[in-house]
PDB file of N, CA and C in Angstrom:
ATOM      1  N   MET A   1      29.696  -4.507   8.393  1.00  0.00           N
ATOM      2  CA  MET A   1      28.769  -3.392   8.510  1.00  0.00           C
ATOM      3  C   MET A   1      29.563  -2.084   8.450  1.00  0.00           C
ATOM      4  N   SER A   2      29.076  -1.154   7.704  1.00  0.00           N
ATOM      5  CA  SER A   2      29.792   0.102   7.513  1.00  0.00           C
ATOM      6  C   SER A   2      29.689   0.983   8.758  1.00  0.00           C
ATOM      7  N   THR A   3      30.803   1.637   9.065  1.00  0.00           N
ATOM      8  CA  THR A   3      30.803   2.588  10.175  1.00  0.00           C
ATOM      9  C   THR A   3      30.776   4.022   9.655  1.00  0.00           C
ATOM     10  N   ASP A   4      30.635   4.162   8.360  1.00  0.00           N
ATOM     11  CA  ASP A   4      30.574   5.494   7.757  1.00  0.00           C
ATOM     12  C   ASP A   4      29.349   6.219   8.304  1.00  0.00           C
ATOM     13  N   PRO A   5      29.518   7.409   8.895  1.00  0.00           N
ATOM     14  CA  PRO A   5      28.379   8.115   9.509  1.00  0.00           C
ATOM     15  C   PRO A   5      27.304   8.516   8.502  1.00  0.00           C
ATOM     16  N   THR A   6      27.696   8.829   7.294  1.00  0.00           N
ATOM     17  CA  THR A   6      26.694   9.200   6.283  1.00  0.00           C
ATOM     18  C   THR A   6      25.836   8.001   5.922  1.00  0.00           C
ATOM     19  N   ILE A   7      26.475   6.865   5.730  1.00  0.00           N
ATOM     20  CA  ILE A   7      25.720   5.650   5.411  1.00  0.00           C
ATOM     21  C   ILE A   7      24.805   5.283   6.569  1.00  0.00           C
ATOM     22  N   LYS A   8      25.310   5.367   7.802  1.00  0.00           N
ATOM     23  CA  LYS A   8      24.475   5.054   8.974  1.00  0.00           C
ATOM     24  C   LYS A   8      23.261   5.973   9.032  1.00  0.00           C
ATOM     25  N   GLU A   9      23.491   7.256   8.819  1.00  0.00           N
ATOM     26  CA  GLU A   9      22.381   8.218   8.861  1.00  0.00           C
ATOM     27  C   GLU A   9      21.340   7.896   7.785  1.00  0.00           C
ATOM     28  N   LEU A  10      21.794   7.607   6.580  1.00  0.00           N
ATOM     29  CA  LEU A  10      20.859   7.283   5.497  1.00  0.00           C
ATOM     30  C   LEU A  10      20.116   5.982   5.789  1.00  0.00           C
ATOM     31  N   ARG A  11      20.817   5.001   6.320  1.00  0.00           N
ATOM     32  CA  ARG A  11      20.160   3.726   6.670  1.00  0.00           C
ATOM     33  C   ARG A  11      19.145   3.926   7.787  1.00  0.00           C
ATOM     34  N   ASP A  12      19.460   4.770   8.747  1.00  0.00           N
ATOM     35  CA  ASP A  12      18.504   5.066   9.825  1.00  0.00           C
ATOM     36  C   ASP A  12      17.247   5.730   9.262  1.00  0.00           C
ATOM     37  N   GLU A  13      17.417   6.650   8.322  1.00  0.00           N
ATOM     38  CA  GLU A  13      16.262   7.280   7.680  1.00  0.00           C
ATOM     39  C   GLU A  13      15.435   6.254   6.914  1.00  0.00           C
ATOM     40  N   ILE A  14      16.112   5.366   6.195  1.00  0.00           N
ATOM     41  CA  ILE A  14      15.401   4.318   5.455  1.00  0.00           C
ATOM     42  C   ILE A  14      14.640   3.416   6.417  1.00  0.00           C
ATOM     43  N   ALA A  15      15.254   3.040   7.529  1.00  0.00           N
ATOM     44  CA  ALA A  15      14.591   2.184   8.516  1.00  0.00           C
ATOM     45  C   ALA A  15      13.339   2.855   9.080  1.00  0.00           C
ATOM     46  N   ALA A  16      13.422   4.153   9.333  1.00  0.00           N
ATOM     47  CA  ALA A  16      12.255   4.884   9.838  1.00  0.00           C
ATOM     48  C   ALA A  16      11.141   4.899   8.798  1.00  0.00           C
ATOM     49  N   ILE A  17      11.501   5.096   7.549  1.00  0.00           N
ATOM     50  CA  ILE A  17      10.499   5.074   6.475  1.00  0.00           C
ATOM     51  C   ILE A  17       9.891   3.684   6.350  1.00  0.00           C
ATOM     52  N   ASP A  18      10.732   2.650   6.442  1.00  0.00           N
ATOM     53  CA  ASP A  18      10.219   1.279   6.376  1.00  0.00           C
ATOM     54  C   ASP A  18       9.192   1.015   7.479  1.00  0.00           C
ATOM     55  N   ARG A  19       9.474   1.503   8.677  1.00  0.00           N
ATOM     56  CA  ARG A  19       8.515   1.324   9.786  1.00  0.00           C
ATOM     57  C   ARG A  19       7.213   2.088   9.512  1.00  0.00           C
ATOM     58  N   ALA A  20       7.329   3.277   8.927  1.00  0.00           N
ATOM     59  CA  ALA A  20       6.127   4.052   8.586  1.00  0.00           C
ATOM     60  C   ALA A  20       5.324   3.342   7.501  1.00  0.00           C
ATOM     61  N   ILE A  21       6.007   2.764   6.520  1.00  0.00           N
ATOM     62  CA  ILE A  21       5.310   2.003   5.468  1.00  0.00           C
ATOM     63  C   ILE A  21       4.584   0.821   6.089  1.00  0.00           C
ATOM     64  N   LEU A  22       5.270   0.092   6.971  1.00  0.00           N
ATOM     65  CA  LEU A  22       4.655  -1.056   7.638  1.00  0.00           C
ATOM     66  C   LEU A  22       3.413  -0.643   8.421  1.00  0.00           C
ATOM     67  N   ALA A  23       3.509   0.431   9.172  1.00  0.00           N
ATOM     68  CA  ALA A  23       2.359   0.919   9.938  1.00  0.00           C
ATOM     69  C   ALA A  23       1.223   1.314   9.000  1.00  0.00           C
ATOM     70  N   GLY A  24       1.551   1.975   7.908  1.00  0.00           N
ATOM     71  CA  GLY A  24       0.529   2.367   6.942  1.00  0.00           C
ATOM     72  C   GLY A  24      -0.163   1.175   6.305  1.00  0.00           C
ATOM     73  N   ILE A  25       0.610   0.161   5.946  1.00  0.00           N
ATOM     74  CA  ILE A  25       0.029  -1.050   5.344  1.00  0.00           C
ATOM     75  C   ILE A  25      -0.876  -1.748   6.350  1.00  0.00           C
ATOM     76  N   ASN A  26      -0.425  -1.858   7.605  1.00  0.00           N
ATOM     77  CA  ASN A  26      -1.262  -2.494   8.620  1.00  0.00           C
ATOM     78  C   ASN A  26      -2.567  -1.727   8.835  1.00  0.00           C
ATOM     79  N   THR A  27      -2.499  -0.406   8.875  1.00  0.00           N
ATOM     80  CA  THR A  27      -3.707   0.405   9.010  1.00  0.00           C
ATOM     81  C   THR A  27      -4.615   0.214   7.800  1.00  0.00           C
ATOM     82  N   ARG A  28      -4.028   0.173   6.610  1.00  0.00           N
ATOM     83  CA  ARG A  28      -4.815  -0.024   5.389  1.00  0.00           C
ATOM     84  C   ARG A  28      -5.551  -1.361   5.441  1.00  0.00           C
ATOM     85  N   ILE A  29      -4.852  -2.417   5.876  1.00  0.00           N
ATOM     86  CA  ILE A  29      -5.475  -3.740   5.958  1.00  0.00           C
ATOM     87  C   ILE A  29      -6.625  -3.727   6.964  1.00  0.00           C
ATOM     88  N   GLU A  30      -6.460  -3.049   8.091  1.00  0.00           N
ATOM     89  CA  GLU A  30      -7.556  -2.944   9.061  1.00  0.00           C
ATOM     90  C   GLU A  30      -8.767  -2.257   8.437  1.00  0.00           C
ATOM     91  N   LEU A  31      -8.553  -1.206   7.663  1.00  0.00           N
ATOM     92  CA  LEU A  31      -9.659  -0.500   7.007  1.00  0.00           C
ATOM     93  C   LEU A  31     -10.308  -1.360   5.923  1.00  0.00           C
ATOM     94  N   VAL A  32      -9.494  -2.088   5.179  1.00  0.00           N
ATOM     95  CA  VAL A  32     -10.045  -2.990   4.156  1.00  0.00           C
ATOM     96  C   VAL A  32     -10.902  -4.060   4.822  1.00  0.00           C
ATOM     97  N   ALA A  33     -10.475  -4.556   5.978  1.00  0.00           N
ATOM     98  CA  ALA A  33     -11.277  -5.548   6.703  1.00  0.00           C
ATOM     99  C   ALA A  33     -12.622  -4.958   7.110  1.00  0.00           C
ATOM    100  N   ARG A  34     -12.627  -3.702   7.529  1.00  0.00           N
ATOM    101  CA  ARG A  34     -13.894  -3.052   7.905  1.00  0.00           C
ATOM    102  C   ARG A  34     -14.795  -2.889   6.680  1.00  0.00           C
ATOM    103  N   ILE A  35     -14.207  -2.507   5.543  1.00  0.00           N
ATOM    104  CA  ILE A  35     -14.995  -2.382   4.308  1.00  0.00           C
ATOM    105  C   ILE A  35     -15.560  -3.744   3.921  1.00  0.00           C
ATOM    106  N   ARG A  36     -14.731  -4.789   3.982  1.00  0.00           N
ATOM    107  CA  ARG A  36     -15.185  -6.125   3.614  1.00  0.00           C
ATOM    108  C   ARG A  36     -16.365  -6.550   4.485  1.00  0.00           C
ATOM    109  N   SER A  37     -16.255  -6.312   5.789  1.00  0.00           N
ATOM    110  CA  SER A  37     -17.329  -6.677   6.710  1.00  0.00           C
ATOM    111  C   SER A  37     -18.606  -5.908   6.387  1.00  0.00           C
ATOM    112  N   TYR A  38     -18.481  -4.615   6.169  1.00  0.00           N
ATOM    113  CA  TYR A  38     -19.644  -3.792   5.839  1.00  0.00           C
ATOM    114  C   TYR A  38     -20.287  -4.261   4.539  1.00  0.00           C
ATOM    115  N   LYS A  39     -19.469  -4.488   3.526  1.00  0.00           N
ATOM    116  CA  LYS A  39     -20.007  -4.937   2.247  1.00  0.00           C
ATOM    117  C   LYS A  39     -20.687  -6.290   2.385  1.00  0.00           C
ATOM    118  N   SER A  40     -20.078  -7.187   3.140  1.00  0.00           N
ATOM    119  CA  SER A  40     -20.674  -8.511   3.353  1.00  0.00           C
ATOM    120  C   SER A  40     -22.029  -8.397   4.043  1.00  0.00           C
ATOM    121  N   ASP A  41     -22.102  -7.550   5.063  1.00  0.00           N
ATOM    122  CA  ASP A  41     -23.350  -7.354   5.799  1.00  0.00           C
ATOM    123  C   ASP A  41     -24.445  -6.734   4.935  1.00  0.00           C
ATOM    124  N   ASN A  42     -24.046  -6.020   3.881  1.00  0.00           N
ATOM    125  CA  ASN A  42     -25.010  -5.296   3.061  1.00  0.00           C
ATOM    126  C   ASN A  42     -25.152  -5.856   1.646  1.00  0.00           C
ATOM    127  N   GLY A  43     -24.626  -7.056   1.426  1.00  0.00           N
ATOM    128  CA  GLY A  43     -24.790  -7.717   0.137  1.00  0.00           C
ATOM    129  C   GLY A  43     -24.074  -7.036  -1.020  1.00  0.00           C
ATOM    130  N   ILE A  44     -22.968  -6.392  -0.730  1.00  0.00           N
ATOM    131  CA  ILE A  44     -22.195  -5.675  -1.752  1.00  0.00           C
ATOM    132  C   ILE A  44     -20.949  -6.506  -2.062  1.00  0.00           C
ATOM    133  N   ALA A  45     -20.624  -6.625  -3.332  1.00  0.00           N
ATOM    134  CA  ALA A  45     -19.433  -7.371  -3.725  1.00  0.00           C
ATOM    135  C   ALA A  45     -18.192  -6.735  -3.111  1.00  0.00           C
ATOM    136  N   PHE A  46     -17.315  -7.577  -2.588  1.00  0.00           N
ATOM    137  CA  PHE A  46     -16.101  -7.080  -1.924  1.00  0.00           C
ATOM    138  C   PHE A  46     -15.154  -6.413  -2.907  1.00  0.00           C
ATOM    139  N   VAL A  47     -14.854  -7.075  -4.009  1.00  0.00           N
ATOM    140  CA  VAL A  47     -13.885  -6.549  -4.972  1.00  0.00           C
ATOM    141  C   VAL A  47     -14.597  -5.648  -5.974  1.00  0.00           C
ATOM    142  N   ASP A  48     -14.034  -4.471  -6.198  1.00  0.00           N
ATOM    143  CA  ASP A  48     -14.568  -3.494  -7.146  1.00  0.00           C
ATOM    144  C   ASP A  48     -13.436  -3.107  -8.106  1.00  0.00           C
ATOM    145  N   PRO A  49     -13.324  -3.835  -9.232  1.00  0.00           N
ATOM    146  CA  PRO A  49     -12.223  -3.568 -10.160  1.00  0.00           C
ATOM    147  C   PRO A  49     -12.183  -2.125 -10.660  1.00  0.00           C
ATOM    148  N   ASP A  50     -13.334  -1.495 -10.861  1.00  0.00           N
ATOM    149  CA  ASP A  50     -13.342  -0.098 -11.304  1.00  0.00           C
ATOM    150  C   ASP A  50     -12.737   0.818 -10.247  1.00  0.00           C
ATOM    151  N   ARG A  51     -13.056   0.588  -8.981  1.00  0.00           N
ATOM    152  CA  ARG A  51     -12.496   1.385  -7.889  1.00  0.00           C
ATOM    153  C   ARG A  51     -10.991   1.187  -7.811  1.00  0.00           C
ATOM    154  N   GLU A  52     -10.538  -0.055  -7.960  1.00  0.00           N
ATOM    155  CA  GLU A  52      -9.102  -0.324  -7.926  1.00  0.00           C
ATOM    156  C   GLU A  52      -8.387   0.390  -9.075  1.00  0.00           C
ATOM    157  N   ARG A  53      -8.964   0.355 -10.248  1.00  0.00           N
ATOM    158  CA  ARG A  53      -8.384   1.032 -11.412  1.00  0.00           C
ATOM    159  C   ARG A  53      -8.311   2.536 -11.164  1.00  0.00           C
ATOM    160  N   GLN A  54      -9.402   3.117 -10.646  1.00  0.00           N
ATOM    161  CA  GLN A  54      -9.428   4.551 -10.357  1.00  0.00           C
ATOM    162  C   GLN A  54      -8.381   4.921  -9.312  1.00  0.00           C
ATOM    163  N   LEU A  55      -8.228   4.083  -8.290  1.00  0.00           N
ATOM    164  CA  LEU A  55      -7.246   4.332  -7.243  1.00  0.00           C
ATOM    165  C   LEU A  55      -5.831   4.370  -7.825  1.00  0.00           C
ATOM    166  N   ILE A  56      -5.505   3.377  -8.637  1.00  0.00           N
ATOM    167  CA  ILE A  56      -4.163   3.319  -9.223  1.00  0.00           C
ATOM    168  C   ILE A  56      -3.942   4.491 -10.176  1.00  0.00           C
ATOM    169  N   GLU A  57      -4.956   4.852 -10.950  1.00  0.00           N
ATOM    170  CA  GLU A  57      -4.823   6.007 -11.848  1.00  0.00           C
ATOM    171  C   GLU A  57      -4.603   7.291 -11.061  1.00  0.00           C
ATOM    172  N   ALA A  58      -5.311   7.464  -9.955  1.00  0.00           N
ATOM    173  CA  ALA A  58      -5.155   8.668  -9.128  1.00  0.00           C
ATOM    174  C   ALA A  58      -3.769   8.714  -8.491  1.00  0.00           C
ATOM    175  N   LEU A  59      -3.289   7.573  -8.027  1.00  0.00           N
ATOM    176  CA  LEU A  59      -1.958   7.536  -7.442  1.00  0.00           C
ATOM    177  C   LEU A  59      -0.890   7.801  -8.493  1.00  0.00           C
ATOM    178  N   ASP A  60      -1.082   7.265  -9.679  1.00  0.00           N
ATOM    179  CA  ASP A  60      -0.146   7.520 -10.773  1.00  0.00           C
ATOM    180  C   ASP A  60      -0.113   9.015 -11.100  1.00  0.00           C
ATOM    181  N   ALA A  61      -1.276   9.635 -11.138  1.00  0.00           N
ATOM    182  CA  ALA A  61      -1.348  11.070 -11.442  1.00  0.00           C
ATOM    183  C   ALA A  61      -0.707  11.909 -10.329  1.00  0.00           C
ATOM    184  N   ALA A  62      -0.784  11.444  -9.095  1.00  0.00           N
ATOM    185  CA  ALA A  62      -0.229  12.188  -7.965  1.00  0.00           C
ATOM    186  C   ALA A  62       1.273  11.961  -7.796  1.00  0.00           C
ATOM    187  N   ASN A  63       1.807  10.988  -8.477  1.00  0.00           N
ATOM    188  CA  ASN A  63       3.208  10.619  -8.309  1.00  0.00           C
ATOM    189  C   ASN A  63       4.137  11.616  -8.999  1.00  0.00           C
ATOM    190  N   ASP A  64       5.048  12.188  -8.218  1.00  0.00           N
ATOM    191  CA  ASP A  64       6.048  13.108  -8.756  1.00  0.00           C
ATOM    192  C   ASP A  64       7.396  12.425  -8.985  1.00  0.00           C
ATOM    193  N   GLY A  65       7.446  11.106  -8.798  1.00  0.00           N
ATOM    194  CA  GLY A  65       8.680  10.371  -9.022  1.00  0.00           C
ATOM    195  C   GLY A  65       9.617  10.471  -7.840  1.00  0.00           C
ATOM    196  N   PRO A  66      10.674   9.753  -7.881  1.00  0.00           N
ATOM    197  CA  PRO A  66      11.265   9.083  -9.029  1.00  0.00           C
ATOM    198  C   PRO A  66      10.632   7.737  -9.381  1.00  0.00           C
ATOM    199  N   LEU A  67       9.652   7.263  -8.608  1.00  0.00           N
ATOM    200  CA  LEU A  67       8.986   6.011  -8.951  1.00  0.00           C
ATOM    201  C   LEU A  67       8.283   6.182 -10.291  1.00  0.00           C
ATOM    202  N   SER A  68       8.520   5.245 -11.190  1.00  0.00           N
ATOM    203  CA  SER A  68       7.933   5.312 -12.529  1.00  0.00           C
ATOM    204  C   SER A  68       6.444   4.988 -12.484  1.00  0.00           C
ATOM    205  N   PRO A  69       5.688   5.358 -13.522  1.00  0.00           N
ATOM    206  CA  PRO A  69       4.278   4.972 -13.593  1.00  0.00           C
ATOM    207  C   PRO A  69       4.098   3.448 -13.505  1.00  0.00           C
ATOM    208  N   GLU A  70       5.007   2.709 -14.138  1.00  0.00           N
ATOM    209  CA  GLU A  70       4.938   1.246 -14.057  1.00  0.00           C
ATOM    210  C   GLU A  70       5.173   0.784 -12.616  1.00  0.00           C
ATOM    211  N   GLY A  71       6.093   1.458 -11.930  1.00  0.00           N
ATOM    212  CA  GLY A  71       6.358   1.130 -10.536  1.00  0.00           C
ATOM    213  C   GLY A  71       5.164   1.406  -9.644  1.00  0.00           C
ATOM    214  N   VAL A  72       4.470   2.516  -9.889  1.00  0.00           N
ATOM    215  CA  VAL A  72       3.258   2.835  -9.128  1.00  0.00           C
ATOM    216  C   VAL A  72       2.226   1.735  -9.324  1.00  0.00           C
ATOM    217  N   ARG A  73       1.989   1.362 -10.571  1.00  0.00           N
ATOM    218  CA  ARG A  73       0.998   0.318 -10.856  1.00  0.00           C
ATOM    219  C   ARG A  73       1.395  -1.008 -10.208  1.00  0.00           C
ATOM    220  N   GLU A  74       2.665  -1.376 -10.326  1.00  0.00           N
ATOM    221  CA  GLU A  74       3.129  -2.636  -9.750  1.00  0.00           C
ATOM    222  C   GLU A  74       2.998  -2.626  -8.231  1.00  0.00           C
ATOM    223  N   LEU A  75       3.456  -1.549  -7.605  1.00  0.00           N
ATOM    224  CA  LEU A  75       3.408  -1.446  -6.150  1.00  0.00           C
ATOM    225  C   LEU A  75       1.979  -1.533  -5.633  1.00  0.00           C
ATOM    226  N   PHE A  76       1.083  -0.728  -6.201  1.00  0.00           N
ATOM    227  CA  PHE A  76      -0.266  -0.689  -5.641  1.00  0.00           C
ATOM    228  C   PHE A  76      -1.124  -1.863  -6.072  1.00  0.00           C
ATOM    229  N   THR A  77      -0.817  -2.486  -7.192  1.00  0.00           N
ATOM    230  CA  THR A  77      -1.484  -3.749  -7.532  1.00  0.00           C
ATOM    231  C   THR A  77      -1.119  -4.785  -6.477  1.00  0.00           C
ATOM    232  N   PHE A  78       0.160  -4.815  -6.095  1.00  0.00           N
ATOM    233  CA  PHE A  78       0.604  -5.730  -5.044  1.00  0.00           C
ATOM    234  C   PHE A  78      -0.080  -5.406  -3.718  1.00  0.00           C
ATOM    235  N   VAL A  79      -0.117  -4.134  -3.339  1.00  0.00           N
ATOM    236  CA  VAL A  79      -0.733  -3.730  -2.062  1.00  0.00           C
ATOM    237  C   VAL A  79      -2.218  -4.125  -2.045  1.00  0.00           C
ATOM    238  N   LEU A  80      -2.919  -3.876  -3.139  1.00  0.00           N
ATOM    239  CA  LEU A  80      -4.342  -4.245  -3.208  1.00  0.00           C
ATOM    240  C   LEU A  80      -4.516  -5.752  -3.084  1.00  0.00           C
ATOM    241  N   ASP A  81      -3.709  -6.507  -3.812  1.00  0.00           N
ATOM    242  CA  ASP A  81      -3.813  -7.968  -3.749  1.00  0.00           C
ATOM    243  C   ASP A  81      -3.470  -8.487  -2.361  1.00  0.00           C
ATOM    244  N   LEU A  82      -2.425  -7.929  -1.753  1.00  0.00           N
ATOM    245  CA  LEU A  82      -2.030  -8.338  -0.404  1.00  0.00           C
ATOM    246  C   LEU A  82      -3.145  -8.063   0.595  1.00  0.00           C
ATOM    247  N   ALA A  83      -3.719  -6.887   0.553  1.00  0.00           N
ATOM    248  CA  ALA A  83      -4.790  -6.533   1.490  1.00  0.00           C
ATOM    249  C   ALA A  83      -5.989  -7.470   1.328  1.00  0.00           C
ATOM    250  N   LYS A  84      -6.343  -7.775   0.083  1.00  0.00           N
ATOM    251  CA  LYS A  84      -7.469  -8.695  -0.142  1.00  0.00           C
ATOM    252  C   LYS A  84      -7.157 -10.073   0.430  1.00  0.00           C
ATOM    253  N   ARG A  85      -5.939 -10.551   0.234  1.00  0.00           N
ATOM    254  CA  ARG A  85      -5.546 -11.867   0.786  1.00  0.00           C
ATOM    255  C   ARG A  85      -5.574 -11.853   2.301  1.00  0.00           C
ATOM    256  N   GLU A  86      -5.076 -10.786   2.901  1.00  0.00           N
ATOM    257  CA  GLU A  86      -4.983 -10.721   4.359  1.00  0.00           C
ATOM    258  C   GLU A  86      -6.358 -10.717   5.030  1.00  0.00           C
ATOM    259  N   VAL A  87      -7.346 -10.141   4.384  1.00  0.00           N
ATOM    260  CA  VAL A  87      -8.669 -10.050   5.022  1.00  0.00           C
ATOM    261  C   VAL A  87      -9.588 -11.215   4.652  1.00  0.00           C
ATOM    262  N   THR A  88      -9.142 -12.087   3.765  1.00  0.00           N
ATOM    263  CA  THR A  88     -10.000 -13.201   3.375  1.00  0.00           C
ATOM    264  C   THR A  88      -9.495 -14.547   3.866  1.00  0.00           C
ATOM    265  N   HIS A  89      -8.414 -14.563   4.636  1.00  0.00           N
ATOM    266  CA  HIS A  89      -7.928 -15.864   5.147  1.00  0.00           C
ATOM    267  C   HIS A  89      -8.376 -16.105   6.565  1.00  0.00           C
TER     268      HIS A  89
END
């Protein structure tokens, strides 16, 4: 393990961001579960491919990089699929 203070500082920042990402994903899954429940109670289809497409397009447009457009699509396609799996098991 490196004792370089710069590396430690950067790793600490990355760890904090990782925890924030984890918290955000968990909150997102809780909200998706609420949407799923509401839609189920009201006879609305859970998956809305048009909404997912619009979401990814909006995130791609908002992205200032360095994440590539392909990276945005890959990341959020994964996040959407993960959230759907988590609330349907």
